[in-house]
């Protein structure tokens, strides 16, 4: 087929796959990456630390074990041990006492 291309013939993917007896899906197939390997000895050490300190994140665990934080973070992700992030944002308002004036000139308010 390379010879045909050098001679100026246009060969489509469909034609080339038909001639080779291969489906187009096989032609475009990209193999998936292999599953990441886990160091079980390190995972056991990390699990012990997590059991003792359940709210320790990957940085704290990495510091305690003297390991690289990226390695520990990847291990946390693979094993599903990520510590949940604290909720942040709006909190419910505390109900204030009603602003009621009992006599004139007792309560003033302004708006800018």
PDB file of N, CA and C in Angstrom:
ATOM      1  N   UNK A   1       0.815  -1.187   0.000  1.00  0.00           N
ATOM      2  CA  UNK A   1       0.000   0.000   0.000  1.00  0.00           C
ATOM      3  C   UNK A   1       0.863   1.258   0.000  1.00  0.00           C
ATOM      4  N   UNK A   2       2.025   1.190   0.626  1.00  0.00           N
ATOM      5  CA  UNK A   2       2.908   2.351   0.638  1.00  0.00           C
ATOM      6  C   UNK A   2       3.355   2.677  -0.782  1.00  0.00           C
ATOM      7  N   UNK A   3       3.531   1.620  -1.577  1.00  0.00           N
ATOM      8  CA  UNK A   3       3.930   1.833  -2.975  1.00  0.00           C
ATOM      9  C   UNK A   3       2.838   2.570  -3.733  1.00  0.00           C
ATOM     10  N   UNK A   4       1.578   2.210  -3.453  1.00  0.00           N
ATOM     11  CA  UNK A   4       0.464   2.856  -4.137  1.00  0.00           C
ATOM     12  C   UNK A   4       0.389   4.333  -3.755  1.00  0.00           C
ATOM     13  N   UNK A   5       0.673   4.627  -2.487  1.00  0.00           N
ATOM     14  CA  UNK A   5       0.632   6.010  -2.029  1.00  0.00           C
ATOM     15  C   UNK A   5       1.724   6.834  -2.702  1.00  0.00           C
ATOM     16  N   UNK A   6       2.907   6.244  -2.890  1.00  0.00           N
ATOM     17  CA  UNK A   6       3.994   6.972  -3.547  1.00  0.00           C
ATOM     18  C   UNK A   6       3.693   7.199  -5.021  1.00  0.00           C
ATOM     19  N   UNK A   7       2.886   6.320  -5.606  1.00  0.00           N
ATOM     20  CA  UNK A   7       2.528   6.470  -7.021  1.00  0.00           C
ATOM     21  C   UNK A   7       1.359   7.438  -7.209  1.00  0.00           C
ATOM     22  N   UNK A   8       0.774   7.916  -6.124  1.00  0.00           N
ATOM     23  CA  UNK A   8      -0.284   8.904  -6.237  1.00  0.00           C
ATOM     24  C   UNK A   8      -1.676   8.361  -6.053  1.00  0.00           C
ATOM     25  N   UNK A   9      -1.818   7.075  -5.753  1.00  0.00           N
ATOM     26  CA  UNK A   9      -3.148   6.512  -5.520  1.00  0.00           C
ATOM     27  C   UNK A   9      -3.612   6.874  -4.107  1.00  0.00           C
ATOM     28  N   UNK A  10      -4.880   7.206  -4.025  1.00  0.00           N
ATOM     29  CA  UNK A  10      -5.454   7.524  -2.719  1.00  0.00           C
ATOM     30  C   UNK A  10      -6.138   6.271  -2.194  1.00  0.00           C
ATOM     31  N   UNK A  11      -5.695   5.818  -1.025  1.00  0.00           N
ATOM     32  CA  UNK A  11      -6.273   4.624  -0.409  1.00  0.00           C
ATOM     33  C   UNK A  11      -6.924   5.062   0.899  1.00  0.00           C
ATOM     34  N   UNK A  12      -8.227   4.836   1.005  1.00  0.00           N
ATOM     35  CA  UNK A  12      -8.923   5.209   2.232  1.00  0.00           C
ATOM     36  C   UNK A  12      -8.715   4.129   3.285  1.00  0.00           C
ATOM     37  N   UNK A  13      -9.031   4.477   4.509  1.00  0.00           N
ATOM     38  CA  UNK A  13      -8.917   3.528   5.617  1.00  0.00           C
ATOM     39  C   UNK A  13      -9.863   2.356   5.389  1.00  0.00           C
ATOM     40  N   UNK A  14     -11.061   2.648   4.877  1.00  0.00           N
ATOM     41  CA  UNK A  14     -12.051   1.594   4.630  1.00  0.00           C
ATOM     42  C   UNK A  14     -11.507   0.585   3.620  1.00  0.00           C
ATOM     43  N   UNK A  15     -10.944   1.090   2.529  1.00  0.00           N
ATOM     44  CA  UNK A  15     -10.396   0.192   1.505  1.00  0.00           C
ATOM     45  C   UNK A  15      -9.226  -0.625   2.055  1.00  0.00           C
ATOM     46  N   UNK A  16      -8.345   0.029   2.771  1.00  0.00           N
ATOM     47  CA  UNK A  16      -7.179  -0.670   3.306  1.00  0.00           C
ATOM     48  C   UNK A  16      -7.603  -1.759   4.285  1.00  0.00           C
ATOM     49  N   UNK A  17      -8.597  -1.465   5.120  1.00  0.00           N
ATOM     50  CA  UNK A  17      -9.071  -2.467   6.081  1.00  0.00           C
ATOM     51  C   UNK A  17      -9.734  -3.634   5.359  1.00  0.00           C
ATOM     52  N   UNK A  18     -10.499  -3.339   4.302  1.00  0.00           N
ATOM     53  CA  UNK A  18     -11.130  -4.421   3.528  1.00  0.00           C
ATOM     54  C   UNK A  18     -10.076  -5.326   2.904  1.00  0.00           C
ATOM     55  N   UNK A  19      -9.051  -4.714   2.309  1.00  0.00           N
ATOM     56  CA  UNK A  19      -8.004  -5.511   1.666  1.00  0.00           C
ATOM     57  C   UNK A  19      -7.255  -6.372   2.677  1.00  0.00           C
ATOM     58  N   UNK A  20      -7.054  -5.824   3.875  1.00  0.00           N
ATOM     59  CA  UNK A  20      -6.311  -6.565   4.896  1.00  0.00           C
ATOM     60  C   UNK A  20      -7.201  -7.542   5.655  1.00  0.00           C
ATOM     61  N   UNK A  21      -8.526  -7.419   5.487  1.00  0.00           N
ATOM     62  CA  UNK A  21      -9.442  -8.307   6.203  1.00  0.00           C
ATOM     63  C   UNK A  21      -9.559  -7.957   7.680  1.00  0.00           C
ATOM     64  N   UNK A  22      -9.436  -6.670   7.982  1.00  0.00           N
ATOM     65  CA  UNK A  22      -9.488  -6.195   9.362  1.00  0.00           C
ATOM     66  C   UNK A  22     -10.645  -5.206   9.478  1.00  0.00           C
ATOM     67  N   UNK A  23     -11.356  -5.245  10.589  1.00  0.00           N
ATOM     68  CA  UNK A  23     -12.437  -4.281  10.781  1.00  0.00           C
ATOM     69  C   UNK A  23     -11.853  -2.905  11.098  1.00  0.00           C
ATOM     70  N   UNK A  24     -12.632  -1.869  10.782  1.00  0.00           N
ATOM     71  CA  UNK A  24     -12.157  -0.515  11.076  1.00  0.00           C
ATOM     72  C   UNK A  24     -12.013  -0.293  12.571  1.00  0.00           C
ATOM     73  N   UNK A  25     -12.874  -0.930  13.331  1.00  0.00           N
ATOM     74  CA  UNK A  25     -12.794  -0.804  14.788  1.00  0.00           C
ATOM     75  C   UNK A  25     -11.439  -1.325  15.290  1.00  0.00           C
ATOM     76  N   UNK A  26     -10.972  -2.412  14.715  1.00  0.00           N
ATOM     77  CA  UNK A  26      -9.661  -2.950  15.101  1.00  0.00           C
ATOM     78  C   UNK A  26      -8.541  -2.004  14.681  1.00  0.00           C
ATOM     79  N   UNK A  27      -8.729  -1.327  13.558  1.00  0.00           N
ATOM     80  CA  UNK A  27      -7.715  -0.398  13.073  1.00  0.00           C
ATOM     81  C   UNK A  27      -7.551   0.777  14.041  1.00  0.00           C
ATOM     82  N   UNK A  28      -8.667   1.289  14.560  1.00  0.00           N
ATOM     83  CA  UNK A  28      -8.631   2.443  15.450  1.00  0.00           C
ATOM     84  C   UNK A  28      -8.455   2.070  16.918  1.00  0.00           C
ATOM     85  N   UNK A  29      -8.392   0.793  17.227  1.00  0.00           N
ATOM     86  CA  UNK A  29      -8.319   0.329  18.615  1.00  0.00           C
ATOM     87  C   UNK A  29      -7.055   0.834  19.289  1.00  0.00           C
ATOM     88  N   UNK A  30      -7.211   1.372  20.486  1.00  0.00           N
ATOM     89  CA  UNK A  30      -6.076   1.767  21.324  1.00  0.00           C
ATOM     90  C   UNK A  30      -6.180   0.979  22.618  1.00  0.00           C
ATOM     91  N   UNK A  31      -5.183   0.190  22.942  1.00  0.00           N
ATOM     92  CA  UNK A  31      -5.272  -0.604  24.175  1.00  0.00           C
ATOM     93  C   UNK A  31      -5.331   0.308  25.403  1.00  0.00           C
ATOM     94  N   UNK A  32      -6.070  -0.134  26.408  1.00  0.00           N
ATOM     95  CA  UNK A  32      -6.180   0.640  27.642  1.00  0.00           C
ATOM     96  C   UNK A  32      -4.921   0.455  28.476  1.00  0.00           C
ATOM     97  N   UNK A  33      -4.686   1.405  29.345  1.00  0.00           N
ATOM     98  CA  UNK A  33      -3.517   1.313  30.213  1.00  0.00           C
ATOM     99  C   UNK A  33      -3.718   0.193  31.223  1.00  0.00           C
ATOM    100  N   UNK A  34      -2.621  -0.393  31.627  1.00  0.00           N
ATOM    101  CA  UNK A  34      -2.684  -1.442  32.648  1.00  0.00           C
ATOM    102  C   UNK A  34      -3.071  -0.814  33.981  1.00  0.00           C
ATOM    103  N   UNK A  35      -3.725  -1.591  34.825  1.00  0.00           N
ATOM    104  CA  UNK A  35      -4.101  -1.090  36.143  1.00  0.00           C
ATOM    105  C   UNK A  35      -2.838  -0.761  36.931  1.00  0.00           C
ATOM    106  N   UNK A  36      -2.876   0.322  37.699  1.00  0.00           N
ATOM    107  CA  UNK A  36      -1.684   0.691  38.462  1.00  0.00           C
ATOM    108  C   UNK A  36      -1.350  -0.361  39.516  1.00  0.00           C
ATOM    109  N   UNK A  37      -0.059  -0.608  39.649  1.00  0.00           N
ATOM    110  CA  UNK A  37       0.388  -1.589  40.639  1.00  0.00           C
ATOM    111  C   UNK A  37       0.411  -0.949  42.021  1.00  0.00           C
ATOM    112  N   UNK A  38       0.088  -1.744  43.017  1.00  0.00           N
ATOM    113  CA  UNK A  38       0.057  -1.251  44.395  1.00  0.00           C
ATOM    114  C   UNK A  38       1.088  -2.016  45.205  1.00  0.00           C
ATOM    115  N   UNK A  39       1.909  -1.276  45.926  1.00  0.00           N
ATOM    116  CA  UNK A  39       2.870  -1.887  46.832  1.00  0.00           C
ATOM    117  C   UNK A  39       2.096  -2.271  48.099  1.00  0.00           C
ATOM    118  N   UNK A  40       1.815  -3.553  48.257  1.00  0.00           N
ATOM    119  CA  UNK A  40       0.966  -4.012  49.367  1.00  0.00           C
ATOM    120  C   UNK A  40       1.617  -3.782  50.731  1.00  0.00           C
ATOM    121  N   UNK A  41       2.949  -3.849  50.792  1.00  0.00           N
ATOM    122  CA  UNK A  41       3.646  -3.588  52.055  1.00  0.00           C
ATOM    123  C   UNK A  41       3.416  -2.134  52.483  1.00  0.00           C
ATOM    124  N   UNK A  42       3.555  -1.217  51.530  1.00  0.00           N
ATOM    125  CA  UNK A  42       3.316   0.199  51.816  1.00  0.00           C
ATOM    126  C   UNK A  42       1.845   0.439  52.144  1.00  0.00           C
ATOM    127  N   UNK A  43       0.947  -0.239  51.438  1.00  0.00           N
ATOM    128  CA  UNK A  43      -0.492  -0.084  51.691  1.00  0.00           C
ATOM    129  C   UNK A  43      -0.840  -0.524  53.110  1.00  0.00           C
ATOM    130  N   UNK A  44      -0.201  -1.582  53.591  1.00  0.00           N
ATOM    131  CA  UNK A  44      -0.459  -2.058  54.956  1.00  0.00           C
ATOM    132  C   UNK A  44       0.022  -1.030  55.979  1.00  0.00           C
ATOM    133  N   UNK A  45       1.191  -0.424  55.726  1.00  0.00           N
ATOM    134  CA  UNK A  45       1.699   0.606  56.633  1.00  0.00           C
ATOM    135  C   UNK A  45       0.773   1.817  56.662  1.00  0.00           C
ATOM    136  N   UNK A  46       0.307   2.216  55.487  1.00  0.00           N
ATOM    137  CA  UNK A  46      -0.598   3.368  55.395  1.00  0.00           C
ATOM    138  C   UNK A  46      -1.902   3.064  56.114  1.00  0.00           C
ATOM    139  N   UNK A  47      -2.422   1.854  55.939  1.00  0.00           N
ATOM    140  CA  UNK A  47      -3.690   1.474  56.565  1.00  0.00           C
ATOM    141  C   UNK A  47      -3.579   1.533  58.089  1.00  0.00           C
ATOM    142  N   UNK A  48      -2.423   1.112  58.631  1.00  0.00           N
ATOM    143  CA  UNK A  48      -2.220   1.176  60.077  1.00  0.00           C
ATOM    144  C   UNK A  48      -2.284   2.622  60.577  1.00  0.00           C
ATOM    145  N   UNK A  49      -1.651   3.525  59.835  1.00  0.00           N
ATOM    146  CA  UNK A  49      -1.665   4.942  60.224  1.00  0.00           C
ATOM    147  C   UNK A  49      -3.082   5.496  60.128  1.00  0.00           C
ATOM    148  N   UNK A  50      -3.812   5.125  59.068  1.00  0.00           N
ATOM    149  CA  UNK A  50      -5.183   5.621  58.889  1.00  0.00           C
ATOM    150  C   UNK A  50      -6.085   5.115  60.010  1.00  0.00           C
ATOM    151  N   UNK A  51      -5.881   3.875  60.437  1.00  0.00           N
ATOM    152  CA  UNK A  51      -6.698   3.340  61.530  1.00  0.00           C
ATOM    153  C   UNK A  51      -6.443   4.097  62.833  1.00  0.00           C
ATOM    154  N   UNK A  52      -5.185   4.503  63.053  1.00  0.00           N
ATOM    155  CA  UNK A  52      -4.859   5.264  64.261  1.00  0.00           C
ATOM    156  C   UNK A  52      -5.335   6.715  64.164  1.00  0.00           C
ATOM    157  N   UNK A  53      -5.192   7.309  62.981  1.00  0.00           N
ATOM    158  CA  UNK A  53      -5.568   8.712  62.759  1.00  0.00           C
ATOM    159  C   UNK A  53      -6.536   8.788  61.577  1.00  0.00           C
ATOM    160  N   UNK A  54      -7.824   8.542  61.805  1.00  0.00           N
ATOM    161  CA  UNK A  54      -8.760   8.453  60.681  1.00  0.00           C
ATOM    162  C   UNK A  54      -8.927   9.748  59.889  1.00  0.00           C
ATOM    163  N   UNK A  55      -8.615  10.905  60.476  1.00  0.00           N
ATOM    164  CA  UNK A  55      -8.788  12.163  59.760  1.00  0.00           C
ATOM    165  C   UNK A  55      -7.488  12.680  59.160  1.00  0.00           C
ATOM    166  N   UNK A  56      -6.447  11.854  59.160  1.00  0.00           N
ATOM    167  CA  UNK A  56      -5.181  12.269  58.561  1.00  0.00           C
ATOM    168  C   UNK A  56      -5.290  12.151  57.048  1.00  0.00           C
ATOM    169  N   UNK A  57      -4.865  13.178  56.354  1.00  0.00           N
ATOM    170  CA  UNK A  57      -4.869  13.168  54.898  1.00  0.00           C
ATOM    171  C   UNK A  57      -3.581  12.566  54.361  1.00  0.00           C
ATOM    172  N   UNK A  58      -3.459  12.582  53.033  1.00  0.00           N
ATOM    173  CA  UNK A  58      -2.288  11.948  52.422  1.00  0.00           C
ATOM    174  C   UNK A  58      -0.998  12.671  52.782  1.00  0.00           C
ATOM    175  N   UNK A  59      -1.045  13.991  52.965  1.00  0.00           N
ATOM    176  CA  UNK A  59       0.182  14.725  53.306  1.00  0.00           C
ATOM    177  C   UNK A  59       0.680  14.338  54.694  1.00  0.00           C
ATOM    178  N   UNK A  60      -0.243  14.249  55.640  1.00  0.00           N
ATOM    179  CA  UNK A  60       0.130  13.885  57.008  1.00  0.00           C
ATOM    180  C   UNK A  60       0.669  12.466  57.052  1.00  0.00           C
ATOM    181  N   UNK A  61      -0.014  11.552  56.362  1.00  0.00           N
ATOM    182  CA  UNK A  61       0.423  10.152  56.346  1.00  0.00           C
ATOM    183  C   UNK A  61       1.798  10.050  55.698  1.00  0.00           C
ATOM    184  N   UNK A  62       2.013  10.774  54.606  1.00  0.00           N
ATOM    185  CA  UNK A  62       3.311  10.743  53.930  1.00  0.00           C
ATOM    186  C   UNK A  62       4.408  11.269  54.847  1.00  0.00           C
ATOM    187  N   UNK A  63       4.108  12.327  55.587  1.00  0.00           N
ATOM    188  CA  UNK A  63       5.094  12.890  56.504  1.00  0.00           C
ATOM    189  C   UNK A  63       5.407  11.912  57.627  1.00  0.00           C
ATOM    190  N   UNK A  64       4.377  11.264  58.182  1.00  0.00           N
ATOM    191  CA  UNK A  64       4.588  10.311  59.277  1.00  0.00           C
ATOM    192  C   UNK A  64       5.395   9.094  58.830  1.00  0.00           C
ATOM    193  N   UNK A  65       5.165   8.645  57.602  1.00  0.00           N
ATOM    194  CA  UNK A  65       5.865   7.453  57.109  1.00  0.00           C
ATOM    195  C   UNK A  65       7.191   7.781  56.428  1.00  0.00           C
ATOM    196  N   UNK A  66       7.424   9.060  56.142  1.00  0.00           N
ATOM    197  CA  UNK A  66       8.657   9.441  55.454  1.00  0.00           C
ATOM    198  C   UNK A  66       8.650   9.028  53.996  1.00  0.00           C
ATOM    199  N   UNK A  67       7.475   9.017  53.392  1.00  0.00           N
ATOM    200  CA  UNK A  67       7.340   8.628  51.985  1.00  0.00           C
ATOM    201  C   UNK A  67       6.998   9.858  51.154  1.00  0.00           C
ATOM    202  N   UNK A  68       7.072   9.701  49.844  1.00  0.00           N
ATOM    203  CA  UNK A  68       6.710  10.772  48.928  1.00  0.00           C
ATOM    204  C   UNK A  68       5.201  10.978  48.965  1.00  0.00           C
ATOM    205  N   UNK A  69       4.752  12.232  49.048  1.00  0.00           N
ATOM    206  CA  UNK A  69       3.315  12.500  49.169  1.00  0.00           C
ATOM    207  C   UNK A  69       2.549  12.100  47.916  1.00  0.00           C
ATOM    208  N   UNK A  70       3.193  12.170  46.745  1.00  0.00           N
ATOM    209  CA  UNK A  70       2.505  11.774  45.510  1.00  0.00           C
ATOM    210  C   UNK A  70       2.229  10.276  45.496  1.00  0.00           C
ATOM    211  N   UNK A  71       3.163   9.493  46.008  1.00  0.00           N
ATOM    212  CA  UNK A  71       2.971   8.043  46.087  1.00  0.00           C
ATOM    213  C   UNK A  71       1.821   7.719  47.021  1.00  0.00           C
ATOM    214  N   UNK A  72       1.782   8.380  48.166  1.00  0.00           N
ATOM    215  CA  UNK A  72       0.717   8.131  49.144  1.00  0.00           C
ATOM    216  C   UNK A  72      -0.622   8.605  48.591  1.00  0.00           C
ATOM    217  N   UNK A  73      -0.637   9.743  47.895  1.00  0.00           N
ATOM    218  CA  UNK A  73      -1.892  10.240  47.319  1.00  0.00           C
ATOM    219  C   UNK A  73      -2.433   9.264  46.277  1.00  0.00           C
ATOM    220  N   UNK A  74      -1.560   8.740  45.435  1.00  0.00           N
ATOM    221  CA  UNK A  74      -1.991   7.766  44.424  1.00  0.00           C
ATOM    222  C   UNK A  74      -2.541   6.515  45.095  1.00  0.00           C
ATOM    223  N   UNK A  75      -1.892   6.073  46.167  1.00  0.00           N
ATOM    224  CA  UNK A  75      -2.359   4.904  46.913  1.00  0.00           C
ATOM    225  C   UNK A  75      -3.735   5.177  47.528  1.00  0.00           C
ATOM    226  N   UNK A  76      -3.931   6.372  48.081  1.00  0.00           N
ATOM    227  CA  UNK A  76      -5.235   6.764  48.633  1.00  0.00           C
ATOM    228  C   UNK A  76      -6.309   6.696  47.552  1.00  0.00           C
ATOM    229  N   UNK A  77      -6.003   7.201  46.359  1.00  0.00           N
ATOM    230  CA  UNK A  77      -6.985   7.221  45.278  1.00  0.00           C
ATOM    231  C   UNK A  77      -7.323   5.816  44.806  1.00  0.00           C
ATOM    232  N   UNK A  78      -6.310   4.970  44.651  1.00  0.00           N
ATOM    233  CA  UNK A  78      -6.542   3.604  44.170  1.00  0.00           C
ATOM    234  C   UNK A  78      -7.374   2.818  45.167  1.00  0.00           C
ATOM    235  N   UNK A  79      -7.040   2.948  46.447  1.00  0.00           N
ATOM    236  CA  UNK A  79      -7.729   2.174  47.483  1.00  0.00           C
ATOM    237  C   UNK A  79      -9.045   2.817  47.934  1.00  0.00           C
ATOM    238  N   UNK A  80      -9.296   4.066  47.534  1.00  0.00           N
ATOM    239  CA  UNK A  80     -10.528   4.746  47.934  1.00  0.00           C
ATOM    240  C   UNK A  80     -10.508   5.213  49.374  1.00  0.00           C
ATOM    241  N   UNK A  81      -9.353   5.612  49.860  1.00  0.00           N
ATOM    242  CA  UNK A  81      -9.203   6.024  51.253  1.00  0.00           C
ATOM    243  C   UNK A  81      -9.216   7.536  51.425  1.00  0.00           C
ATOM    244  N   UNK A  82      -9.641   8.296  50.418  1.00  0.00           N
ATOM    245  CA  UNK A  82      -9.584   9.748  50.514  1.00  0.00           C
ATOM    246  C   UNK A  82     -10.438  10.249  51.672  1.00  0.00           C
ATOM    247  N   UNK A  83      -9.887  11.187  52.421  1.00  0.00           N
ATOM    248  CA  UNK A  83     -10.621  11.812  53.512  1.00  0.00           C
ATOM    249  C   UNK A  83     -11.570  12.818  52.886  1.00  0.00           C
ATOM    250  N   UNK A  84     -12.807  12.845  53.348  1.00  0.00           N
ATOM    251  CA  UNK A  84     -13.787  13.771  52.783  1.00  0.00           C
ATOM    252  C   UNK A  84     -13.438  15.203  53.160  1.00  0.00           C
ATOM    253  N   UNK A  85     -13.604  16.090  52.202  1.00  0.00           N
ATOM    254  CA  UNK A  85     -13.326  17.497  52.429  1.00  0.00           C
ATOM    255  C   UNK A  85     -14.423  18.092  53.304  1.00  0.00           C
ATOM    256  N   UNK A  86     -14.026  18.983  54.187  1.00  0.00           N
ATOM    257  CA  UNK A  86     -15.005  19.639  55.050  1.00  0.00           C
ATOM    258  C   UNK A  86     -15.947  20.490  54.218  1.00  0.00           C
ATOM    259  N   UNK A  87     -17.194  20.525  54.647  1.00  0.00           N
ATOM    260  CA  UNK A  87     -18.167  21.366  53.974  1.00  0.00           C
ATOM    261  C   UNK A  87     -17.844  22.819  54.241  1.00  0.00           C
ATOM    262  N   UNK A  88     -17.901  23.619  53.216  1.00  0.00           N
ATOM    263  CA  UNK A  88     -17.692  25.047  53.407  1.00  0.00           C
ATOM    264  C   UNK A  88     -18.803  25.789  52.688  1.00  0.00           C
ATOM    265  N   UNK A  89     -18.940  27.034  53.005  1.00  0.00           N
ATOM    266  CA  UNK A  89     -19.953  27.825  52.330  1.00  0.00           C
ATOM    267  C   UNK A  89     -20.924  28.428  53.316  1.00  0.00           C
ATOM    268  N   UNK A  90     -22.142  28.676  52.846  1.00  0.00           N
ATOM    269  CA  UNK A  90     -23.140  29.370  53.653  1.00  0.00           C
ATOM    270  C   UNK A  90     -23.594  28.503  54.815  1.00  0.00           C
ATOM    271  N   UNK A  91     -23.721  29.126  55.959  1.00  0.00           N
ATOM    272  CA  UNK A  91     -24.244  28.451  57.141  1.00  0.00           C
ATOM    273  C   UNK A  91     -25.602  29.069  57.452  1.00  0.00           C
ATOM    274  N   UNK A  92     -26.475  28.329  58.087  1.00  0.00           N
ATOM    275  CA  UNK A  92     -27.786  28.900  58.401  1.00  0.00           C
ATOM    276  C   UNK A  92     -27.647  30.077  59.368  1.00  0.00           C
ATOM    277  N   UNK A  93     -28.463  31.095  59.144  1.00  0.00           N
ATOM    278  CA  UNK A  93     -28.405  32.291  59.992  1.00  0.00           C
ATOM    279  C   UNK A  93     -29.021  32.019  61.348  1.00  0.00           C
ATOM    280  N   UNK A  94     -28.435  32.629  62.343  1.00  0.00           N
ATOM    281  CA  UNK A  94     -28.992  32.553  63.688  1.00  0.00           C
ATOM    282  C   UNK A  94     -30.114  33.585  63.756  1.00  0.00           C
ATOM    283  N   UNK A  95     -31.256  33.174  64.245  1.00  0.00           N
ATOM    284  CA  UNK A  95     -32.391  34.092  64.319  1.00  0.00           C
ATOM    285  C   UNK A  95     -32.124  35.158  65.382  1.00  0.00           C
ATOM    286  N   UNK A  96     -32.107  36.406  64.949  1.00  0.00           N
ATOM    287  CA  UNK A  96     -31.890  37.523  65.873  1.00  0.00           C
ATOM    288  C   UNK A  96     -33.223  37.919  66.504  1.00  0.00           C
ATOM    289  N   UNK A  97     -33.129  38.612  67.600  1.00  0.00           N
ATOM    290  CA  UNK A  97     -34.340  39.109  68.247  1.00  0.00           C
ATOM    291  C   UNK A  97     -34.978  40.169  67.362  1.00  0.00           C
ATOM    292  N   UNK A  98     -36.282  40.235  67.328  1.00  0.00           N
ATOM    293  CA  UNK A  98     -36.925  41.245  66.482  1.00  0.00           C
ATOM    294  C   UNK A  98     -36.580  42.653  66.965  1.00  0.00           C
ATOM    295  N   UNK A  99     -36.399  43.538  66.015  1.00  0.00           N
ATOM    296  CA  UNK A  99     -36.036  44.914  66.326  1.00  0.00           C
ATOM    297  C   UNK A  99     -37.318  45.732  66.479  1.00  0.00           C
ATOM    298  N   UNK A 100     -37.778  45.838  67.693  1.00  0.00           N
ATOM    299  CA  UNK A 100     -39.023  46.553  67.972  1.00  0.00           C
ATOM    300  C   UNK A 100     -38.712  47.717  68.910  1.00  0.00           C
ATOM    301  N   UNK A 101     -39.160  48.865  68.505  1.00  0.00           N
ATOM    302  CA  UNK A 101     -38.967  50.057  69.343  1.00  0.00           C
ATOM    303  C   UNK A 101     -40.200  50.247  70.211  1.00  0.00           C
ATOM    304  N   UNK A 102     -39.974  50.519  71.490  1.00  0.00           N
ATOM    305  CA  UNK A 102     -41.102  50.711  72.407  1.00  0.00           C
ATOM    306  C   UNK A 102     -41.492  52.184  72.524  1.00  0.00           C
ATOM    307  N   UNK A 103     -40.609  53.086  72.097  1.00  0.00           N
ATOM    308  CA  UNK A 103     -40.918  54.513  72.147  1.00  0.00           C
ATOM    309  C   UNK A 103     -40.221  55.199  70.977  1.00  0.00           C
ATOM    310  N   UNK A 104     -40.573  56.376  70.608  1.00  0.00           N
ATOM    311  CA  UNK A 104     -39.952  57.078  69.478  1.00  0.00           C
ATOM    312  C   UNK A 104     -38.478  57.384  69.762  1.00  0.00           C
ATOM    313  N   UNK A 105     -37.712  57.427  68.708  1.00  0.00           N
ATOM    314  CA  UNK A 105     -36.292  57.786  68.741  1.00  0.00           C
ATOM    315  C   UNK A 105     -35.452  56.762  69.517  1.00  0.00           C
ATOM    316  N   UNK A 106     -35.925  55.531  69.629  1.00  0.00           N
ATOM    317  CA  UNK A 106     -35.189  54.488  70.350  1.00  0.00           C
ATOM    318  C   UNK A 106     -34.349  53.626  69.396  1.00  0.00           C
ATOM    319  N   UNK A 107     -34.853  53.410  68.215  1.00  0.00           N
ATOM    320  CA  UNK A 107     -34.188  52.508  67.268  1.00  0.00           C
ATOM    321  C   UNK A 107     -33.965  53.231  65.950  1.00  0.00           C
ATOM    322  N   UNK A 108     -32.697  53.331  65.542  1.00  0.00           N
ATOM    323  CA  UNK A 108     -32.372  53.987  64.283  1.00  0.00           C
ATOM    324  C   UNK A 108     -31.728  52.970  63.347  1.00  0.00           C
ATOM    325  N   UNK A 109     -31.934  53.163  62.046  1.00  0.00           N
ATOM    326  CA  UNK A 109     -31.312  52.302  61.036  1.00  0.00           C
ATOM    327  C   UNK A 109     -30.951  53.150  59.829  1.00  0.00           C
ATOM    328  N   UNK A 110     -29.965  52.720  59.100  1.00  0.00           N
ATOM    329  CA  UNK A 110     -29.558  53.452  57.900  1.00  0.00           C
ATOM    330  C   UNK A 110     -29.266  52.464  56.782  1.00  0.00           C
ATOM    331  N   UNK A 111     -29.369  52.953  55.578  1.00  0.00           N
ATOM    332  CA  UNK A 111     -29.095  52.126  54.406  1.00  0.00           C
ATOM    333  C   UNK A 111     -28.230  52.941  53.456  1.00  0.00           C
ATOM    334  N   UNK A 112     -27.140  52.371  53.049  1.00  0.00           N
ATOM    335  CA  UNK A 112     -26.235  53.096  52.153  1.00  0.00           C
ATOM    336  C   UNK A 112     -26.392  52.562  50.752  1.00  0.00           C
TER     337      UNK A 112
END
